[in-house]
Amino acid sequence: GVVDDCLFDDSSCSDMGVWATSFTNCRFAGADLSSSSFGAWYEGKGNLFQGVDFSRADLRGLATSTARYLGCDFSHARLDGVNFWQSTLVDCTFAGRLRDVVFDGRVLGDEKPDPNPMLNVDLSAAQLDGVNFRKVPFDNVKLPADPDVLPVSSVGKLDSALARVAGRDDVGAKVVRSRFGRMKLTLESGEPQVLINVRDLRRTSPQAESLARELLGISTH
């Protein structure tokens, strides 16, 4: 189906399910779309959202495994816990707090044959909180100018930090060794870059956050 140039601002659309449908030039600004399903692959086709305004929408609990989002605005939308999985994101904008969101660039199954790129995505006005990027190249992603969020492409930088906490038995050091060790393995597997958000370590251990700041030369602010 095709839904074109329709206005759903501030509407209540929770638990909405759509399959093999294209939404073009539509607005869902401020709408309640919580627990909806946008991503199902149906009869060889996924959903398309092109030029759609999701600003301020409630998208918590959204299932969006294989949807395509082209030129969409997610500014200040509530996306807590959303996993974009194999969704395509091109020319999209995010702003405000992103909490426990997953952006996944991997092709994870045989059913969806095409890749799921993340291209020209603007996160410059977003606050990242537990955001996970999996196999996402950052050369086409505009990251926030946040001193706590540090892209790292050098295994040597992680090796240096790990050497300084080697043999330490305190909780902070253990958490840092675990987190930095996983990032090192990711780089060694061929990923060009990983993203360290030192605020994320606070959830596990405030001591780990402080230690990571010291090791990476990131000041407390």
N, C-alpha and C. Protein backbone atom coordinates (compact mmCIF):
# COMPACT_ATOMS: atom_id res chain seq x y z
N GLY A 1 0.81 -1.18 0.00
CA GLY A 1 0.00 0.00 0.00
C GLY A 1 0.86 1.25 0.00
N VAL A 2 0.25 2.38 -0.28
CA VAL A 2 0.94 3.67 -0.32
C VAL A 2 0.15 4.68 0.50
N VAL A 3 0.84 5.36 1.42
CA VAL A 3 0.24 6.45 2.19
C VAL A 3 1.07 7.69 1.87
N ASP A 4 0.46 8.69 1.26
CA ASP A 4 1.22 9.83 0.76
C ASP A 4 0.63 11.15 1.29
N ASP A 5 1.53 12.02 1.79
CA ASP A 5 1.15 13.39 2.16
C ASP A 5 0.01 13.42 3.17
N CYS A 6 0.14 12.60 4.21
CA CYS A 6 -0.90 12.52 5.25
C CYS A 6 -0.37 13.06 6.57
N LEU A 7 -1.27 13.61 7.37
CA LEU A 7 -0.92 14.26 8.63
C LEU A 7 -1.46 13.44 9.80
N PHE A 8 -0.53 12.97 10.68
CA PHE A 8 -0.89 12.21 11.87
C PHE A 8 -0.34 12.86 13.13
N ASP A 9 -0.05 14.14 13.10
CA ASP A 9 0.56 14.82 14.24
C ASP A 9 -0.27 14.63 15.50
N ASP A 10 0.43 14.30 16.61
CA ASP A 10 -0.18 14.18 17.94
C ASP A 10 -1.29 13.14 17.99
N SER A 11 -1.32 12.22 17.05
CA SER A 11 -2.36 11.19 17.06
C SER A 11 -1.94 10.02 17.94
N SER A 12 -2.90 9.18 18.29
CA SER A 12 -2.65 7.98 19.09
C SER A 12 -2.64 6.78 18.15
N CYS A 13 -1.45 6.28 17.86
CA CYS A 13 -1.29 5.17 16.89
C CYS A 13 -0.51 4.02 17.51
N SER A 14 -0.58 3.86 18.82
CA SER A 14 0.20 2.80 19.46
C SER A 14 -0.25 1.43 18.96
N ASP A 15 0.69 0.50 18.93
CA ASP A 15 0.45 -0.88 18.47
C ASP A 15 0.06 -0.95 16.99
N MET A 16 0.43 0.06 16.23
CA MET A 16 0.14 0.03 14.81
C MET A 16 1.04 -0.97 14.10
N GLY A 17 0.49 -1.76 13.22
CA GLY A 17 1.27 -2.71 12.44
C GLY A 17 1.10 -2.45 10.96
N VAL A 18 2.21 -2.33 10.24
CA VAL A 18 2.14 -2.10 8.80
C VAL A 18 3.08 -3.08 8.10
N TRP A 19 2.66 -3.53 6.92
CA TRP A 19 3.44 -4.47 6.14
C TRP A 19 3.44 -4.04 4.68
N ALA A 20 4.61 -4.12 4.05
CA ALA A 20 4.77 -3.83 2.62
C ALA A 20 4.08 -2.52 2.23
N THR A 21 4.32 -1.48 3.04
CA THR A 21 3.64 -0.19 2.84
C THR A 21 4.68 0.92 2.71
N SER A 22 4.39 1.89 1.85
CA SER A 22 5.24 3.06 1.69
C SER A 22 4.53 4.29 2.25
N PHE A 23 5.24 5.01 3.15
CA PHE A 23 4.77 6.29 3.66
C PHE A 23 5.67 7.36 3.08
N THR A 24 5.12 8.30 2.33
CA THR A 24 5.93 9.36 1.75
C THR A 24 5.36 10.73 2.14
N ASN A 25 6.26 11.62 2.56
CA ASN A 25 5.89 13.00 2.91
C ASN A 25 4.76 13.06 3.93
N CYS A 26 4.83 12.18 4.92
CA CYS A 26 3.82 12.15 5.98
C CYS A 26 4.41 12.73 7.27
N ARG A 27 3.53 13.12 8.17
CA ARG A 27 3.95 13.67 9.46
C ARG A 27 3.33 12.86 10.60
N PHE A 28 4.22 12.45 11.53
CA PHE A 28 3.81 11.82 12.78
C PHE A 28 4.36 12.60 13.97
N ALA A 29 4.55 13.90 13.82
CA ALA A 29 5.16 14.71 14.88
C ALA A 29 4.32 14.62 16.15
N GLY A 30 4.96 14.23 17.26
CA GLY A 30 4.27 14.16 18.54
C GLY A 30 3.30 13.00 18.67
N ALA A 31 3.27 12.09 17.70
CA ALA A 31 2.31 10.98 17.74
C ALA A 31 2.79 9.89 18.70
N ASP A 32 1.84 9.13 19.22
CA ASP A 32 2.15 7.97 20.04
C ASP A 32 2.18 6.74 19.14
N LEU A 33 3.40 6.30 18.82
CA LEU A 33 3.60 5.12 17.98
C LEU A 33 4.25 3.99 18.78
N SER A 34 4.12 4.05 20.09
CA SER A 34 4.78 3.06 20.95
C SER A 34 4.28 1.66 20.64
N SER A 35 5.20 0.70 20.74
CA SER A 35 4.91 -0.73 20.54
C SER A 35 4.37 -1.04 19.16
N SER A 36 4.69 -0.19 18.17
CA SER A 36 4.24 -0.45 16.81
C SER A 36 5.24 -1.35 16.08
N SER A 37 4.80 -1.92 14.96
CA SER A 37 5.65 -2.77 14.15
C SER A 37 5.80 -2.14 12.77
N PHE A 38 7.02 -1.67 12.47
CA PHE A 38 7.31 -1.04 11.19
C PHE A 38 8.24 -1.88 10.33
N GLY A 39 8.82 -2.92 10.88
CA GLY A 39 9.97 -3.51 10.20
C GLY A 39 9.78 -4.86 9.56
N ALA A 40 8.58 -5.42 9.61
CA ALA A 40 8.43 -6.79 9.14
C ALA A 40 8.68 -6.92 7.64
N TRP A 41 9.34 -8.01 7.26
CA TRP A 41 9.57 -8.35 5.86
C TRP A 41 8.39 -9.22 5.41
N TYR A 42 7.70 -8.77 4.36
CA TYR A 42 6.46 -9.46 3.97
C TYR A 42 6.44 -9.64 2.46
N GLU A 43 6.37 -10.89 2.02
CA GLU A 43 6.30 -11.22 0.60
C GLU A 43 7.41 -10.51 -0.20
N GLY A 44 8.62 -10.58 0.36
CA GLY A 44 9.78 -10.03 -0.33
C GLY A 44 9.88 -8.53 -0.30
N LYS A 45 9.17 -7.88 0.61
CA LYS A 45 9.16 -6.42 0.65
C LYS A 45 9.07 -5.93 2.09
N GLY A 46 9.78 -4.84 2.37
CA GLY A 46 9.69 -4.19 3.67
C GLY A 46 8.94 -2.87 3.56
N ASN A 47 8.81 -2.18 4.67
CA ASN A 47 8.15 -0.88 4.68
C ASN A 47 9.13 0.23 4.32
N LEU A 48 8.63 1.27 3.67
CA LEU A 48 9.42 2.43 3.31
C LEU A 48 8.83 3.68 3.94
N PHE A 49 9.70 4.47 4.58
CA PHE A 49 9.31 5.77 5.14
C PHE A 49 10.22 6.81 4.50
N GLN A 50 9.66 7.62 3.63
CA GLN A 50 10.46 8.60 2.88
C GLN A 50 9.92 10.00 3.15
N GLY A 51 10.83 10.87 3.65
CA GLY A 51 10.42 12.24 3.95
C GLY A 51 9.39 12.31 5.06
N VAL A 52 9.51 11.41 6.04
CA VAL A 52 8.54 11.34 7.13
C VAL A 52 9.07 12.07 8.36
N ASP A 53 8.20 12.85 9.00
CA ASP A 53 8.55 13.61 10.20
C ASP A 53 8.08 12.83 11.43
N PHE A 54 9.06 12.27 12.16
CA PHE A 54 8.78 11.58 13.42
C PHE A 54 9.19 12.42 14.63
N SER A 55 9.41 13.71 14.45
CA SER A 55 9.91 14.53 15.55
C SER A 55 8.94 14.49 16.73
N ARG A 56 9.50 14.35 17.93
CA ARG A 56 8.76 14.32 19.20
C ARG A 56 7.83 13.11 19.34
N ALA A 57 7.87 12.18 18.39
CA ALA A 57 6.99 11.00 18.48
C ALA A 57 7.48 10.05 19.56
N ASP A 58 6.54 9.30 20.13
CA ASP A 58 6.87 8.26 21.10
C ASP A 58 7.03 6.95 20.34
N LEU A 59 8.27 6.51 20.18
CA LEU A 59 8.57 5.30 19.42
C LEU A 59 9.12 4.19 20.31
N ARG A 60 8.89 4.32 21.61
CA ARG A 60 9.39 3.28 22.52
C ARG A 60 8.74 1.93 22.21
N GLY A 61 9.57 0.90 22.20
CA GLY A 61 9.05 -0.43 21.91
C GLY A 61 8.82 -0.69 20.44
N LEU A 62 9.29 0.20 19.57
CA LEU A 62 9.09 0.04 18.14
C LEU A 62 9.88 -1.17 17.62
N ALA A 63 9.21 -2.02 16.85
CA ALA A 63 9.88 -3.12 16.15
C ALA A 63 10.13 -2.67 14.72
N THR A 64 11.38 -2.58 14.34
CA THR A 64 11.71 -2.05 13.01
C THR A 64 12.90 -2.80 12.45
N SER A 65 12.68 -4.06 12.14
CA SER A 65 13.81 -4.91 11.78
C SER A 65 14.36 -4.65 10.38
N THR A 66 13.48 -4.36 9.40
CA THR A 66 13.97 -4.26 8.02
C THR A 66 13.40 -3.05 7.27
N ALA A 67 12.90 -2.05 7.96
CA ALA A 67 12.31 -0.89 7.29
C ALA A 67 13.40 -0.03 6.64
N ARG A 68 12.98 0.80 5.67
CA ARG A 68 13.88 1.78 5.06
C ARG A 68 13.39 3.18 5.44
N TYR A 69 14.31 3.98 6.00
CA TYR A 69 14.00 5.36 6.38
C TYR A 69 14.88 6.28 5.53
N LEU A 70 14.26 7.04 4.65
CA LEU A 70 14.99 7.92 3.75
C LEU A 70 14.53 9.35 4.00
N GLY A 71 15.46 10.22 4.41
CA GLY A 71 15.13 11.62 4.64
C GLY A 71 14.12 11.83 5.76
N CYS A 72 14.25 11.06 6.82
CA CYS A 72 13.30 11.15 7.94
C CYS A 72 13.89 11.96 9.11
N ASP A 73 13.01 12.60 9.85
CA ASP A 73 13.41 13.44 10.99
C ASP A 73 12.95 12.77 12.28
N PHE A 74 13.92 12.34 13.10
CA PHE A 74 13.63 11.73 14.40
C PHE A 74 13.98 12.68 15.55
N SER A 75 14.05 13.97 15.30
CA SER A 75 14.48 14.91 16.32
C SER A 75 13.57 14.85 17.55
N HIS A 76 14.21 14.62 18.70
CA HIS A 76 13.53 14.61 20.00
C HIS A 76 12.43 13.55 20.09
N ALA A 77 12.52 12.53 19.24
CA ALA A 77 11.62 11.38 19.38
C ALA A 77 12.09 10.52 20.55
N ARG A 78 11.15 9.81 21.18
CA ARG A 78 11.50 8.88 22.25
C ARG A 78 11.75 7.52 21.62
N LEU A 79 13.00 7.12 21.65
CA LEU A 79 13.42 5.88 20.98
C LEU A 79 14.02 4.89 21.97
N ASP A 80 13.71 5.03 23.25
CA ASP A 80 14.30 4.19 24.28
C ASP A 80 14.18 2.71 23.92
N GLY A 81 15.32 2.04 23.85
CA GLY A 81 15.33 0.60 23.65
C GLY A 81 15.09 0.13 22.23
N VAL A 82 15.03 1.05 21.26
CA VAL A 82 14.75 0.64 19.88
C VAL A 82 16.01 0.06 19.22
N ASN A 83 15.85 -1.07 18.57
CA ASN A 83 16.92 -1.69 17.80
C ASN A 83 16.57 -1.57 16.32
N PHE A 84 17.35 -0.76 15.59
CA PHE A 84 17.07 -0.57 14.17
C PHE A 84 17.50 -1.77 13.34
N TRP A 85 18.22 -2.69 13.93
CA TRP A 85 18.55 -3.99 13.36
C TRP A 85 18.95 -3.87 11.90
N GLN A 86 18.19 -4.43 10.95
CA GLN A 86 18.58 -4.36 9.54
C GLN A 86 17.86 -3.25 8.79
N SER A 87 17.47 -2.20 9.50
CA SER A 87 16.82 -1.07 8.85
C SER A 87 17.84 -0.19 8.14
N THR A 88 17.41 0.41 7.04
CA THR A 88 18.22 1.35 6.28
C THR A 88 17.94 2.77 6.78
N LEU A 89 18.99 3.53 7.01
CA LEU A 89 18.87 4.92 7.44
C LEU A 89 19.72 5.79 6.52
N VAL A 90 19.07 6.60 5.70
CA VAL A 90 19.77 7.46 4.76
C VAL A 90 19.21 8.87 4.86
N ASP A 91 20.09 9.86 5.02
CA ASP A 91 19.69 11.27 5.09
C ASP A 91 18.70 11.51 6.23
N CYS A 92 18.95 10.90 7.38
CA CYS A 92 18.06 11.03 8.54
C CYS A 92 18.71 11.89 9.62
N THR A 93 17.87 12.51 10.44
CA THR A 93 18.35 13.39 11.51
C THR A 93 17.81 12.92 12.85
N PHE A 94 18.70 12.89 13.85
CA PHE A 94 18.33 12.57 15.23
C PHE A 94 18.79 13.73 16.12
N ALA A 95 17.97 14.07 17.10
CA ALA A 95 18.35 15.11 18.07
C ALA A 95 17.71 14.78 19.40
N GLY A 96 18.34 15.28 20.49
CA GLY A 96 17.84 14.99 21.81
C GLY A 96 18.44 13.69 22.34
N ARG A 97 17.89 13.19 23.42
CA ARG A 97 18.46 12.03 24.09
C ARG A 97 18.11 10.73 23.37
N LEU A 98 19.13 9.95 23.07
CA LEU A 98 18.96 8.60 22.54
C LEU A 98 19.43 7.63 23.60
N ARG A 99 18.50 6.84 24.13
CA ARG A 99 18.82 5.95 25.24
C ARG A 99 18.65 4.49 24.82
N ASP A 100 19.73 3.73 24.92
CA ASP A 100 19.72 2.28 24.64
C ASP A 100 19.21 1.98 23.24
N VAL A 101 19.67 2.75 22.28
CA VAL A 101 19.31 2.55 20.87
C VAL A 101 20.44 1.75 20.20
N VAL A 102 20.05 0.83 19.31
CA VAL A 102 21.03 0.04 18.57
C VAL A 102 20.92 0.35 17.09
N PHE A 103 22.07 0.71 16.49
CA PHE A 103 22.18 0.87 15.05
C PHE A 103 23.05 -0.28 14.55
N ASP A 104 22.50 -1.12 13.70
CA ASP A 104 23.20 -2.34 13.31
C ASP A 104 23.41 -2.37 11.80
N GLY A 105 24.65 -2.37 11.37
CA GLY A 105 24.95 -2.39 9.95
C GLY A 105 25.15 -3.78 9.38
N ARG A 106 24.99 -4.81 10.21
CA ARG A 106 25.22 -6.17 9.73
C ARG A 106 24.03 -6.69 8.92
N VAL A 107 24.31 -7.56 7.98
CA VAL A 107 23.26 -8.31 7.30
C VAL A 107 23.12 -9.62 8.06
N LEU A 108 21.98 -9.81 8.69
CA LEU A 108 21.85 -10.86 9.70
C LEU A 108 21.07 -12.09 9.26
N GLY A 109 20.46 -12.04 8.08
CA GLY A 109 19.68 -13.21 7.67
C GLY A 109 19.56 -13.29 6.16
N ASP A 110 19.01 -14.38 5.69
CA ASP A 110 18.88 -14.60 4.25
C ASP A 110 17.61 -13.99 3.69
N GLU A 111 16.63 -13.73 4.55
CA GLU A 111 15.33 -13.29 4.05
C GLU A 111 15.42 -11.92 3.37
N LYS A 112 16.14 -10.99 4.00
CA LYS A 112 16.29 -9.65 3.44
C LYS A 112 17.58 -9.64 2.62
N PRO A 113 17.49 -9.54 1.30
CA PRO A 113 18.69 -9.71 0.47
C PRO A 113 19.57 -8.48 0.37
N ASP A 114 19.01 -7.28 0.55
CA ASP A 114 19.79 -6.06 0.32
C ASP A 114 20.43 -5.57 1.61
N PRO A 115 21.52 -4.79 1.51
CA PRO A 115 22.20 -4.28 2.71
C PRO A 115 21.37 -3.21 3.40
N ASN A 116 21.82 -2.81 4.58
CA ASN A 116 21.11 -1.81 5.37
C ASN A 116 22.07 -0.71 5.79
N PRO A 117 22.37 0.21 4.86
CA PRO A 117 23.37 1.23 5.15
C PRO A 117 22.87 2.28 6.13
N MET A 118 23.84 2.96 6.75
CA MET A 118 23.59 4.13 7.59
C MET A 118 24.41 5.25 6.96
N LEU A 119 23.76 6.06 6.11
CA LEU A 119 24.47 7.04 5.29
C LEU A 119 23.90 8.44 5.51
N ASN A 120 24.81 9.41 5.66
CA ASN A 120 24.40 10.81 5.83
C ASN A 120 23.39 10.95 6.98
N VAL A 121 23.71 10.30 8.08
CA VAL A 121 22.87 10.38 9.27
C VAL A 121 23.46 11.43 10.21
N ASP A 122 22.64 12.37 10.63
CA ASP A 122 23.09 13.49 11.45
C ASP A 122 22.70 13.26 12.91
N LEU A 123 23.72 12.97 13.73
CA LEU A 123 23.54 12.79 15.17
C LEU A 123 24.15 13.95 15.95
N SER A 124 24.47 15.04 15.25
CA SER A 124 25.24 16.11 15.88
C SER A 124 24.52 16.76 17.05
N ALA A 125 23.19 16.74 17.06
CA ALA A 125 22.44 17.36 18.15
C ALA A 125 21.85 16.31 19.10
N ALA A 126 22.37 15.08 19.03
CA ALA A 126 21.86 14.00 19.88
C ALA A 126 22.76 13.82 21.11
N GLN A 127 22.16 13.35 22.19
CA GLN A 127 22.92 12.95 23.38
C GLN A 127 22.87 11.43 23.46
N LEU A 128 24.02 10.79 23.34
CA LEU A 128 24.08 9.34 23.30
C LEU A 128 24.17 8.77 24.71
N ASP A 129 23.28 7.85 25.01
CA ASP A 129 23.23 7.22 26.34
C ASP A 129 23.00 5.72 26.14
N GLY A 130 24.07 4.96 26.20
CA GLY A 130 23.96 3.53 25.98
C GLY A 130 23.65 3.17 24.54
N VAL A 131 24.07 4.00 23.59
CA VAL A 131 23.81 3.74 22.17
C VAL A 131 24.88 2.79 21.64
N ASN A 132 24.44 1.79 20.90
CA ASN A 132 25.34 0.75 20.41
C ASN A 132 25.37 0.76 18.89
N PHE A 133 26.57 0.88 18.34
CA PHE A 133 26.76 0.83 16.88
C PHE A 133 27.45 -0.49 16.55
N ARG A 134 26.84 -1.28 15.67
CA ARG A 134 27.40 -2.57 15.30
C ARG A 134 27.69 -2.60 13.79
N LYS A 135 28.96 -2.70 13.45
CA LYS A 135 29.39 -2.74 12.05
C LYS A 135 28.87 -1.52 11.28
N VAL A 136 28.93 -0.36 11.91
CA VAL A 136 28.51 0.88 11.26
C VAL A 136 29.75 1.71 10.98
N PRO A 137 30.05 2.02 9.72
CA PRO A 137 31.16 2.94 9.43
C PRO A 137 30.73 4.38 9.73
N PHE A 138 31.60 5.11 10.42
CA PHE A 138 31.23 6.45 10.87
C PHE A 138 31.60 7.54 9.87
N ASP A 139 32.17 7.17 8.72
CA ASP A 139 32.57 8.21 7.78
C ASP A 139 31.37 8.91 7.15
N ASN A 140 30.18 8.31 7.22
CA ASN A 140 28.98 8.95 6.70
C ASN A 140 27.98 9.27 7.81
N VAL A 141 28.48 9.33 9.05
CA VAL A 141 27.63 9.65 10.20
C VAL A 141 28.21 10.87 10.89
N LYS A 142 27.38 11.87 11.12
CA LYS A 142 27.83 13.08 11.81
C LYS A 142 27.59 12.90 13.29
N LEU A 143 28.66 12.65 14.04
CA LEU A 143 28.57 12.38 15.48
C LEU A 143 28.45 13.67 16.27
N PRO A 144 27.91 13.58 17.48
CA PRO A 144 27.80 14.79 18.30
C PRO A 144 29.18 15.31 18.73
N ALA A 145 29.28 16.62 18.87
CA ALA A 145 30.52 17.23 19.37
C ALA A 145 30.48 17.12 20.90
N ASP A 146 30.72 15.92 21.37
CA ASP A 146 30.59 15.58 22.79
C ASP A 146 31.94 15.08 23.27
N PRO A 147 32.59 15.75 24.23
CA PRO A 147 33.92 15.32 24.66
C PRO A 147 33.92 13.94 25.32
N ASP A 148 32.75 13.46 25.76
CA ASP A 148 32.68 12.14 26.38
C ASP A 148 32.57 11.02 25.36
N VAL A 149 32.34 11.36 24.10
CA VAL A 149 32.18 10.37 23.04
C VAL A 149 33.39 10.44 22.13
N LEU A 150 34.17 9.37 22.12
CA LEU A 150 35.47 9.39 21.45
C LEU A 150 35.57 8.25 20.43
N PRO A 151 35.66 8.57 19.14
CA PRO A 151 35.94 7.53 18.14
C PRO A 151 37.40 7.09 18.26
N VAL A 152 37.63 5.79 18.25
CA VAL A 152 38.99 5.25 18.36
C VAL A 152 39.23 4.29 17.21
N SER A 153 40.31 4.52 16.48
CA SER A 153 40.66 3.63 15.37
C SER A 153 42.01 2.94 15.59
N SER A 154 42.66 3.27 16.69
CA SER A 154 44.00 2.74 16.94
C SER A 154 43.96 1.66 18.02
N VAL A 155 44.37 0.45 17.65
CA VAL A 155 44.52 -0.61 18.64
C VAL A 155 45.58 -0.22 19.66
N GLY A 156 46.60 0.51 19.22
CA GLY A 156 47.67 0.93 20.12
C GLY A 156 47.16 1.79 21.26
N LYS A 157 46.17 2.63 20.99
CA LYS A 157 45.62 3.48 22.05
C LYS A 157 44.96 2.62 23.13
N LEU A 158 44.26 1.59 22.70
CA LEU A 158 43.62 0.69 23.67
C LEU A 158 44.66 -0.16 24.38
N ASP A 159 45.68 -0.62 23.64
CA ASP A 159 46.76 -1.41 24.26
C ASP A 159 47.44 -0.61 25.37
N SER A 160 47.68 0.67 25.10
CA SER A 160 48.34 1.53 26.09
C SER A 160 47.48 1.65 27.34
N ALA A 161 46.17 1.83 27.15
CA ALA A 161 45.28 1.95 28.31
C ALA A 161 45.20 0.64 29.07
N LEU A 162 45.13 -0.48 28.35
CA LEU A 162 45.04 -1.79 29.00
C LEU A 162 46.31 -2.11 29.78
N ALA A 163 47.46 -1.68 29.26
CA ALA A 163 48.72 -1.93 29.97
C ALA A 163 48.75 -1.21 31.31
N ARG A 164 48.13 -0.05 31.38
CA ARG A 164 48.15 0.73 32.61
C ARG A 164 47.24 0.16 33.69
N VAL A 165 46.28 -0.70 33.29
CA VAL A 165 45.41 -1.31 34.31
C VAL A 165 45.68 -2.80 34.48
N ALA A 166 46.71 -3.29 33.82
CA ALA A 166 47.05 -4.72 33.93
C ALA A 166 47.39 -5.08 35.37
N GLY A 167 46.81 -6.17 35.83
CA GLY A 167 47.11 -6.65 37.18
C GLY A 167 46.33 -5.98 38.29
N ARG A 168 45.62 -4.91 37.98
CA ARG A 168 44.82 -4.24 39.02
C ARG A 168 43.57 -5.04 39.31
N ASP A 169 43.19 -5.06 40.60
CA ASP A 169 42.10 -5.93 41.04
C ASP A 169 40.86 -5.15 41.46
N ASP A 170 40.88 -3.82 41.33
CA ASP A 170 39.71 -3.04 41.75
C ASP A 170 38.62 -3.11 40.68
N VAL A 171 37.39 -2.79 41.10
CA VAL A 171 36.23 -2.93 40.22
C VAL A 171 36.38 -2.06 38.97
N GLY A 172 36.81 -0.81 39.16
CA GLY A 172 36.95 0.09 38.02
C GLY A 172 37.88 -0.46 36.97
N ALA A 173 39.02 -1.00 37.39
CA ALA A 173 39.99 -1.55 36.45
C ALA A 173 39.43 -2.77 35.73
N LYS A 174 38.70 -3.60 36.44
CA LYS A 174 38.12 -4.80 35.82
C LYS A 174 37.11 -4.41 34.73
N VAL A 175 36.29 -3.42 35.03
CA VAL A 175 35.29 -2.98 34.04
C VAL A 175 35.98 -2.38 32.82
N VAL A 176 36.99 -1.55 33.05
CA VAL A 176 37.72 -0.93 31.94
C VAL A 176 38.41 -2.01 31.10
N ARG A 177 39.04 -2.99 31.73
CA ARG A 177 39.71 -4.06 30.98
C ARG A 177 38.71 -4.80 30.10
N SER A 178 37.54 -5.09 30.67
CA SER A 178 36.53 -5.81 29.91
C SER A 178 36.03 -5.00 28.72
N ARG A 179 35.70 -3.73 28.96
CA ARG A 179 35.14 -2.88 27.91
C ARG A 179 36.18 -2.59 26.83
N PHE A 180 37.37 -2.18 27.24
CA PHE A 180 38.40 -1.85 26.27
C PHE A 180 38.89 -3.11 25.53
N GLY A 181 38.90 -4.24 26.25
CA GLY A 181 39.31 -5.49 25.61
C GLY A 181 38.36 -5.88 24.48
N ARG A 182 37.05 -5.70 24.70
CA ARG A 182 36.08 -6.02 23.64
C ARG A 182 36.24 -5.07 22.45
N MET A 183 36.52 -3.80 22.75
CA MET A 183 36.73 -2.84 21.67
C MET A 183 37.98 -3.17 20.87
N LYS A 184 39.02 -3.61 21.55
CA LYS A 184 40.25 -4.00 20.85
C LYS A 184 39.97 -5.17 19.91
N LEU A 185 39.22 -6.16 20.37
CA LEU A 185 38.89 -7.31 19.53
C LEU A 185 38.08 -6.87 18.31
N THR A 186 37.19 -5.89 18.50
CA THR A 186 36.38 -5.38 17.38
C THR A 186 37.28 -4.76 16.32
N LEU A 187 38.26 -3.95 16.76
CA LEU A 187 39.19 -3.35 15.80
C LEU A 187 40.03 -4.41 15.12
N GLU A 188 40.47 -5.39 15.87
CA GLU A 188 41.31 -6.45 15.30
C GLU A 188 40.54 -7.33 14.32
N SER A 189 39.21 -7.33 14.44
CA SER A 189 38.39 -8.13 13.52
C SER A 189 38.18 -7.42 12.18
N GLY A 190 38.67 -6.19 12.07
CA GLY A 190 38.56 -5.49 10.81
C GLY A 190 37.72 -4.23 10.83
N GLU A 191 37.05 -3.97 11.95
CA GLU A 191 36.28 -2.73 12.05
C GLU A 191 37.23 -1.54 12.04
N PRO A 192 36.95 -0.50 11.24
CA PRO A 192 37.88 0.63 11.17
C PRO A 192 37.85 1.52 12.40
N GLN A 193 36.76 1.47 13.16
CA GLN A 193 36.61 2.41 14.26
C GLN A 193 35.60 1.88 15.28
N VAL A 194 35.84 2.20 16.54
CA VAL A 194 34.86 1.95 17.59
C VAL A 194 34.58 3.27 18.29
N LEU A 195 33.47 3.30 19.00
CA LEU A 195 33.06 4.52 19.69
C LEU A 195 33.03 4.26 21.18
N ILE A 196 33.78 5.07 21.92
CA ILE A 196 33.79 4.97 23.38
C ILE A 196 33.00 6.14 23.94
N ASN A 197 31.99 5.82 24.73
CA ASN A 197 31.24 6.84 25.47
C ASN A 197 31.51 6.59 26.95
N VAL A 198 32.37 7.41 27.54
CA VAL A 198 32.78 7.13 28.92
C VAL A 198 31.61 7.24 29.90
N ARG A 199 30.57 7.99 29.55
CA ARG A 199 29.41 8.06 30.45
C ARG A 199 28.73 6.71 30.59
N ASP A 200 28.84 5.87 29.56
CA ASP A 200 28.20 4.56 29.63
C ASP A 200 28.80 3.68 30.71
N LEU A 201 30.07 3.91 31.04
CA LEU A 201 30.70 3.09 32.08
C LEU A 201 30.14 3.39 33.46
N ARG A 202 29.53 4.56 33.60
CA ARG A 202 28.97 4.97 34.89
C ARG A 202 27.89 4.02 35.36
N ARG A 203 27.16 3.42 34.44
CA ARG A 203 26.08 2.51 34.81
C ARG A 203 26.61 1.30 35.57
N THR A 204 27.80 0.84 35.14
CA THR A 204 28.40 -0.33 35.79
C THR A 204 29.20 0.06 37.01
N SER A 205 29.96 1.14 36.87
CA SER A 205 30.84 1.54 37.97
C SER A 205 31.30 2.99 37.78
N PRO A 206 30.97 3.89 38.72
CA PRO A 206 31.49 5.26 38.63
C PRO A 206 33.02 5.29 38.63
N GLN A 207 33.63 4.32 39.32
CA GLN A 207 35.09 4.26 39.34
C GLN A 207 35.64 3.96 37.95
N ALA A 208 34.93 3.11 37.20
CA ALA A 208 35.36 2.79 35.84
C ALA A 208 35.28 4.01 34.95
N GLU A 209 34.24 4.82 35.11
CA GLU A 209 34.13 6.04 34.32
C GLU A 209 35.31 6.96 34.61
N SER A 210 35.60 7.17 35.89
CA SER A 210 36.71 8.06 36.25
C SER A 210 38.04 7.54 35.71
N LEU A 211 38.24 6.23 35.80
CA LEU A 211 39.48 5.65 35.31
C LEU A 211 39.59 5.77 33.79
N ALA A 212 38.48 5.54 33.08
CA ALA A 212 38.50 5.66 31.63
C ALA A 212 38.82 7.09 31.21
N ARG A 213 38.26 8.06 31.93
CA ARG A 213 38.58 9.46 31.63
C ARG A 213 40.08 9.73 31.79
N GLU A 214 40.65 9.19 32.86
CA GLU A 214 42.08 9.39 33.11
C GLU A 214 42.91 8.74 32.00
N LEU A 215 42.57 7.52 31.61
CA LEU A 215 43.34 6.79 30.62
C LEU A 215 43.26 7.43 29.23
N LEU A 216 42.09 8.02 28.92
CA LEU A 216 41.87 8.58 27.58
C LEU A 216 42.09 10.09 27.54
N GLY A 217 42.40 10.68 28.70
CA GLY A 217 42.64 12.12 28.73
C GLY A 217 41.39 12.94 28.52
N ILE A 218 40.24 12.43 29.02
CA ILE A 218 38.97 13.14 28.90
C ILE A 218 38.65 13.77 30.25
N SER A 219 38.45 15.06 30.28
CA SER A 219 38.24 15.75 31.54
C SER A 219 36.82 15.56 32.04
N THR A 220 36.63 15.73 33.35
CA THR A 220 35.31 15.73 33.95
C THR A 220 34.73 17.12 33.77
N HIS A 221 33.45 17.19 33.39
CA HIS A 221 32.84 18.51 33.14
C HIS A 221 31.43 18.52 33.68
